[in-house]
N, C-alpha and C. Protein backbone atom coordinates (compact mmCIF):
# COMPACT_ATOMS: atom_id res chain seq x y z
N MET A 1 -4.90 -27.18 26.95
CA MET A 1 -3.60 -26.53 26.91
C MET A 1 -3.44 -25.68 25.65
N ALA A 2 -4.05 -26.08 24.53
CA ALA A 2 -3.93 -25.35 23.28
C ALA A 2 -4.57 -23.97 23.39
N LYS A 3 -5.71 -23.87 24.11
CA LYS A 3 -6.38 -22.58 24.29
C LYS A 3 -5.50 -21.64 25.11
N SER A 4 -4.81 -22.16 26.08
CA SER A 4 -3.95 -21.35 26.92
C SER A 4 -2.80 -20.75 26.10
N ASN A 5 -2.19 -21.55 25.22
CA ASN A 5 -1.10 -21.05 24.37
C ASN A 5 -1.60 -19.99 23.40
N HIS A 6 -2.82 -20.19 22.87
CA HIS A 6 -3.40 -19.22 21.94
C HIS A 6 -3.65 -17.89 22.65
N LYS A 7 -4.20 -17.94 23.86
CA LYS A 7 -4.45 -16.72 24.63
C LYS A 7 -3.15 -16.02 24.99
N THR A 8 -2.13 -16.80 25.32
CA THR A 8 -0.83 -16.23 25.68
C THR A 8 -0.20 -15.54 24.47
N SER A 9 -0.28 -16.17 23.30
CA SER A 9 0.32 -15.54 22.11
C SER A 9 -0.47 -14.30 21.71
N MET A 10 -1.79 -14.30 21.85
CA MET A 10 -2.59 -13.12 21.54
C MET A 10 -2.25 -11.99 22.52
N LEU A 11 -2.07 -12.32 23.77
CA LEU A 11 -1.71 -11.32 24.77
C LEU A 11 -0.32 -10.75 24.48
N THR A 12 0.60 -11.59 24.07
CA THR A 12 1.95 -11.15 23.73
C THR A 12 1.90 -10.18 22.55
N ILE A 13 1.11 -10.50 21.53
CA ILE A 13 0.98 -9.63 20.36
C ILE A 13 0.37 -8.29 20.78
N LEU A 14 -0.64 -8.32 21.61
CA LEU A 14 -1.28 -7.08 22.08
C LEU A 14 -0.28 -6.22 22.85
N VAL A 15 0.51 -6.82 23.72
CA VAL A 15 1.51 -6.08 24.49
C VAL A 15 2.55 -5.47 23.56
N LEU A 16 2.99 -6.20 22.54
CA LEU A 16 3.96 -5.68 21.59
C LEU A 16 3.39 -4.49 20.79
N ILE A 17 2.15 -4.59 20.39
CA ILE A 17 1.52 -3.48 19.65
C ILE A 17 1.44 -2.24 20.52
N ILE A 18 1.04 -2.40 21.76
CA ILE A 18 0.96 -1.27 22.68
C ILE A 18 2.34 -0.67 22.91
N ALA A 19 3.36 -1.50 23.04
CA ALA A 19 4.72 -1.01 23.25
C ALA A 19 5.19 -0.19 22.05
N VAL A 20 4.91 -0.66 20.85
CA VAL A 20 5.29 0.09 19.66
C VAL A 20 4.58 1.43 19.61
N LEU A 21 3.29 1.45 19.92
CA LEU A 21 2.54 2.70 19.93
C LEU A 21 3.09 3.69 20.95
N VAL A 22 3.47 3.19 22.11
CA VAL A 22 4.04 4.06 23.14
C VAL A 22 5.38 4.63 22.67
N LEU A 23 6.23 3.80 22.05
CA LEU A 23 7.52 4.27 21.56
C LEU A 23 7.35 5.32 20.46
N VAL A 24 6.43 5.10 19.54
CA VAL A 24 6.20 6.08 18.48
C VAL A 24 5.69 7.38 19.07
N SER A 25 4.79 7.29 20.03
CA SER A 25 4.26 8.48 20.68
C SER A 25 5.37 9.26 21.38
N MET A 26 6.26 8.58 22.05
CA MET A 26 7.36 9.24 22.74
C MET A 26 8.31 9.90 21.75
N ALA A 27 8.59 9.22 20.65
CA ALA A 27 9.49 9.77 19.65
C ALA A 27 8.91 11.04 19.03
N GLU A 28 7.61 11.04 18.74
CA GLU A 28 6.98 12.22 18.16
C GLU A 28 6.95 13.38 19.14
N SER A 29 6.73 13.10 20.40
CA SER A 29 6.66 14.17 21.38
C SER A 29 8.03 14.82 21.61
N ARG A 30 9.08 14.11 21.31
CA ARG A 30 10.44 14.65 21.48
C ARG A 30 10.95 15.29 20.20
N GLY A 31 10.13 15.30 19.17
CA GLY A 31 10.53 15.93 17.91
C GLY A 31 11.53 15.10 17.12
N LEU A 32 11.48 13.80 17.27
CA LEU A 32 12.41 12.94 16.55
C LEU A 32 11.80 12.52 15.22
N GLY A 33 11.37 13.37 14.44
CA GLY A 33 10.77 13.00 13.18
C GLY A 33 11.34 13.89 12.11
N PHE A 34 10.48 14.26 11.24
CA PHE A 34 10.89 15.17 10.18
C PHE A 34 11.09 16.55 10.76
N PRO A 35 12.03 17.30 10.23
CA PRO A 35 12.22 18.66 10.73
C PRO A 35 10.98 19.49 10.46
N LYS A 36 10.68 20.40 11.37
CA LYS A 36 9.51 21.24 11.21
C LYS A 36 9.77 22.28 10.14
N LYS A 37 8.75 22.52 9.36
CA LYS A 37 8.85 23.50 8.29
C LYS A 37 8.68 24.90 8.88
N SER A 38 9.58 25.80 8.50
CA SER A 38 9.43 27.16 9.00
C SER A 38 8.54 27.95 8.04
N LEU A 39 7.81 28.88 8.58
CA LEU A 39 6.92 29.69 7.78
C LEU A 39 7.66 30.90 7.23
N PRO A 40 7.27 31.34 6.03
CA PRO A 40 7.93 32.53 5.50
C PRO A 40 7.58 33.77 6.31
N SER A 41 8.48 34.73 6.28
CA SER A 41 8.28 35.99 6.98
C SER A 41 8.40 37.11 5.95
N CYS A 42 7.48 38.05 6.01
CA CYS A 42 7.48 39.13 5.02
C CYS A 42 7.70 40.47 5.70
N SER A 43 8.59 41.29 5.11
CA SER A 43 8.85 42.60 5.69
C SER A 43 8.38 43.75 4.79
N ILE A 44 8.25 43.50 3.49
CA ILE A 44 7.73 44.53 2.58
C ILE A 44 6.76 43.87 1.61
N VAL A 45 5.59 44.49 1.44
CA VAL A 45 4.59 43.96 0.52
C VAL A 45 4.34 44.94 -0.62
N TYR A 46 3.76 44.43 -1.68
CA TYR A 46 3.42 45.22 -2.86
C TYR A 46 1.96 44.96 -3.18
N GLY A 47 1.22 45.99 -3.48
CA GLY A 47 -0.18 45.85 -3.87
C GLY A 47 -0.30 45.67 -5.38
N VAL A 48 -0.94 44.60 -5.79
CA VAL A 48 -1.10 44.29 -7.21
C VAL A 48 -1.88 45.41 -7.90
N GLN A 49 -1.39 45.77 -9.09
CA GLN A 49 -2.06 46.78 -9.91
C GLN A 49 -2.55 46.11 -11.19
N SER A 50 -3.45 46.78 -11.87
CA SER A 50 -4.02 46.23 -13.10
C SER A 50 -2.91 45.87 -14.08
N GLY A 51 -2.97 44.67 -14.62
CA GLY A 51 -1.98 44.20 -15.59
C GLY A 51 -0.79 43.48 -14.99
N ASP A 52 -0.66 43.49 -13.67
CA ASP A 52 0.48 42.81 -13.03
C ASP A 52 0.38 41.30 -13.19
N THR A 53 1.54 40.68 -13.28
CA THR A 53 1.67 39.22 -13.26
C THR A 53 2.71 38.87 -12.21
N CYS A 54 2.70 37.65 -11.78
CA CYS A 54 3.71 37.21 -10.79
C CYS A 54 5.11 37.38 -11.37
N PHE A 55 5.28 37.01 -12.63
CA PHE A 55 6.59 37.13 -13.26
C PHE A 55 7.03 38.60 -13.35
N GLY A 56 6.11 39.45 -13.72
CA GLY A 56 6.43 40.88 -13.83
C GLY A 56 6.80 41.49 -12.49
N VAL A 57 6.06 41.14 -11.44
CA VAL A 57 6.35 41.67 -10.10
C VAL A 57 7.70 41.15 -9.63
N SER A 58 7.96 39.86 -9.84
CA SER A 58 9.25 39.31 -9.39
C SER A 58 10.40 39.97 -10.14
N GLN A 59 10.23 40.26 -11.42
CA GLN A 59 11.29 40.94 -12.17
C GLN A 59 11.47 42.38 -11.70
N ALA A 60 10.36 43.07 -11.43
CA ALA A 60 10.42 44.47 -11.00
C ALA A 60 11.20 44.62 -9.69
N PHE A 61 11.15 43.60 -8.83
CA PHE A 61 11.84 43.66 -7.55
C PHE A 61 13.11 42.80 -7.54
N ASN A 62 13.57 42.41 -8.73
CA ASN A 62 14.79 41.59 -8.89
C ASN A 62 14.77 40.32 -8.05
N LEU A 63 13.65 39.62 -8.07
CA LEU A 63 13.51 38.37 -7.32
C LEU A 63 13.52 37.19 -8.28
N THR A 64 14.10 36.10 -7.84
CA THR A 64 13.98 34.88 -8.65
C THR A 64 12.57 34.36 -8.48
N THR A 65 12.09 33.63 -9.46
CA THR A 65 10.74 33.07 -9.35
C THR A 65 10.66 32.08 -8.19
N THR A 66 11.75 31.38 -7.92
CA THR A 66 11.77 30.44 -6.80
C THR A 66 11.60 31.17 -5.47
N PHE A 67 12.35 32.26 -5.28
CA PHE A 67 12.25 33.01 -4.03
C PHE A 67 10.86 33.65 -3.91
N PHE A 68 10.38 34.25 -5.01
CA PHE A 68 9.07 34.88 -5.00
C PHE A 68 7.99 33.88 -4.58
N GLY A 69 8.07 32.68 -5.11
CA GLY A 69 7.11 31.64 -4.74
C GLY A 69 7.25 31.20 -3.30
N SER A 70 8.48 31.20 -2.78
CA SER A 70 8.68 30.74 -1.41
C SER A 70 8.19 31.75 -0.37
N VAL A 71 8.22 33.04 -0.69
CA VAL A 71 7.72 34.04 0.26
C VAL A 71 6.23 34.34 0.04
N ASN A 72 5.66 33.75 -1.00
CA ASN A 72 4.23 33.88 -1.28
C ASN A 72 3.62 32.49 -1.47
N PRO A 73 3.67 31.65 -0.43
CA PRO A 73 3.16 30.29 -0.58
C PRO A 73 1.65 30.32 -0.83
N ASN A 74 1.18 29.35 -1.55
CA ASN A 74 -0.24 29.19 -1.87
C ASN A 74 -0.78 30.31 -2.76
N LEU A 75 0.08 31.06 -3.40
CA LEU A 75 -0.35 32.12 -4.30
C LEU A 75 -0.72 31.51 -5.64
N ASP A 76 -1.89 31.86 -6.14
CA ASP A 76 -2.33 31.41 -7.45
C ASP A 76 -2.08 32.55 -8.44
N CYS A 77 -1.01 32.43 -9.19
CA CYS A 77 -0.61 33.50 -10.10
C CYS A 77 -1.61 33.71 -11.23
N ASP A 78 -2.48 32.75 -11.48
CA ASP A 78 -3.50 32.91 -12.52
C ASP A 78 -4.72 33.66 -12.00
N SER A 79 -4.75 33.96 -10.72
CA SER A 79 -5.92 34.63 -10.13
C SER A 79 -5.55 35.87 -9.35
N LEU A 80 -4.55 36.61 -9.79
CA LEU A 80 -4.18 37.86 -9.10
C LEU A 80 -5.32 38.86 -9.23
N PHE A 81 -5.51 39.69 -8.22
CA PHE A 81 -6.53 40.73 -8.29
C PHE A 81 -5.94 42.05 -7.80
N VAL A 82 -6.47 43.12 -8.32
CA VAL A 82 -5.99 44.46 -7.96
C VAL A 82 -6.15 44.66 -6.46
N GLY A 83 -5.07 45.13 -5.85
CA GLY A 83 -5.07 45.37 -4.40
C GLY A 83 -4.56 44.21 -3.58
N GLN A 84 -4.36 43.05 -4.20
CA GLN A 84 -3.84 41.88 -3.48
C GLN A 84 -2.42 42.18 -3.03
N TRP A 85 -2.09 41.79 -1.79
CA TRP A 85 -0.74 42.02 -1.27
C TRP A 85 0.16 40.86 -1.63
N LEU A 86 1.33 41.19 -2.17
CA LEU A 86 2.34 40.20 -2.47
C LEU A 86 3.60 40.53 -1.68
N CYS A 87 4.23 39.53 -1.13
CA CYS A 87 5.48 39.75 -0.40
C CYS A 87 6.61 39.92 -1.41
N VAL A 88 7.38 41.00 -1.24
CA VAL A 88 8.51 41.23 -2.15
C VAL A 88 9.85 41.28 -1.43
N VAL A 89 9.82 41.41 -0.09
CA VAL A 89 11.04 41.33 0.72
C VAL A 89 10.71 40.52 1.96
N GLY A 90 11.48 39.48 2.20
CA GLY A 90 11.23 38.64 3.37
C GLY A 90 12.18 37.46 3.40
N THR A 91 11.86 36.51 4.25
CA THR A 91 12.66 35.29 4.35
C THR A 91 11.74 34.10 4.11
N ALA A 92 12.28 33.15 3.40
CA ALA A 92 11.50 31.96 3.06
C ALA A 92 11.58 30.91 4.14
């Protein structure tokens, strides 16, 4: 009888785990999680010239550094190169 109870409790645990996985899967498929991040959109770009810095470009176009960074995600300001396109007008 003890083996039967052990098998029953193991089966119950397995069923509960599967039920939780199904519920999580359903919740994710319905978008019930974190809000999706929107990607920035750029409408005007500027080509980097010799001597340009991120701060200088953002000042030249009257942009806050926060906004400039948000419309140029993943930009490494220490590695700008001549001809690189930077977004100067867009939505974050």
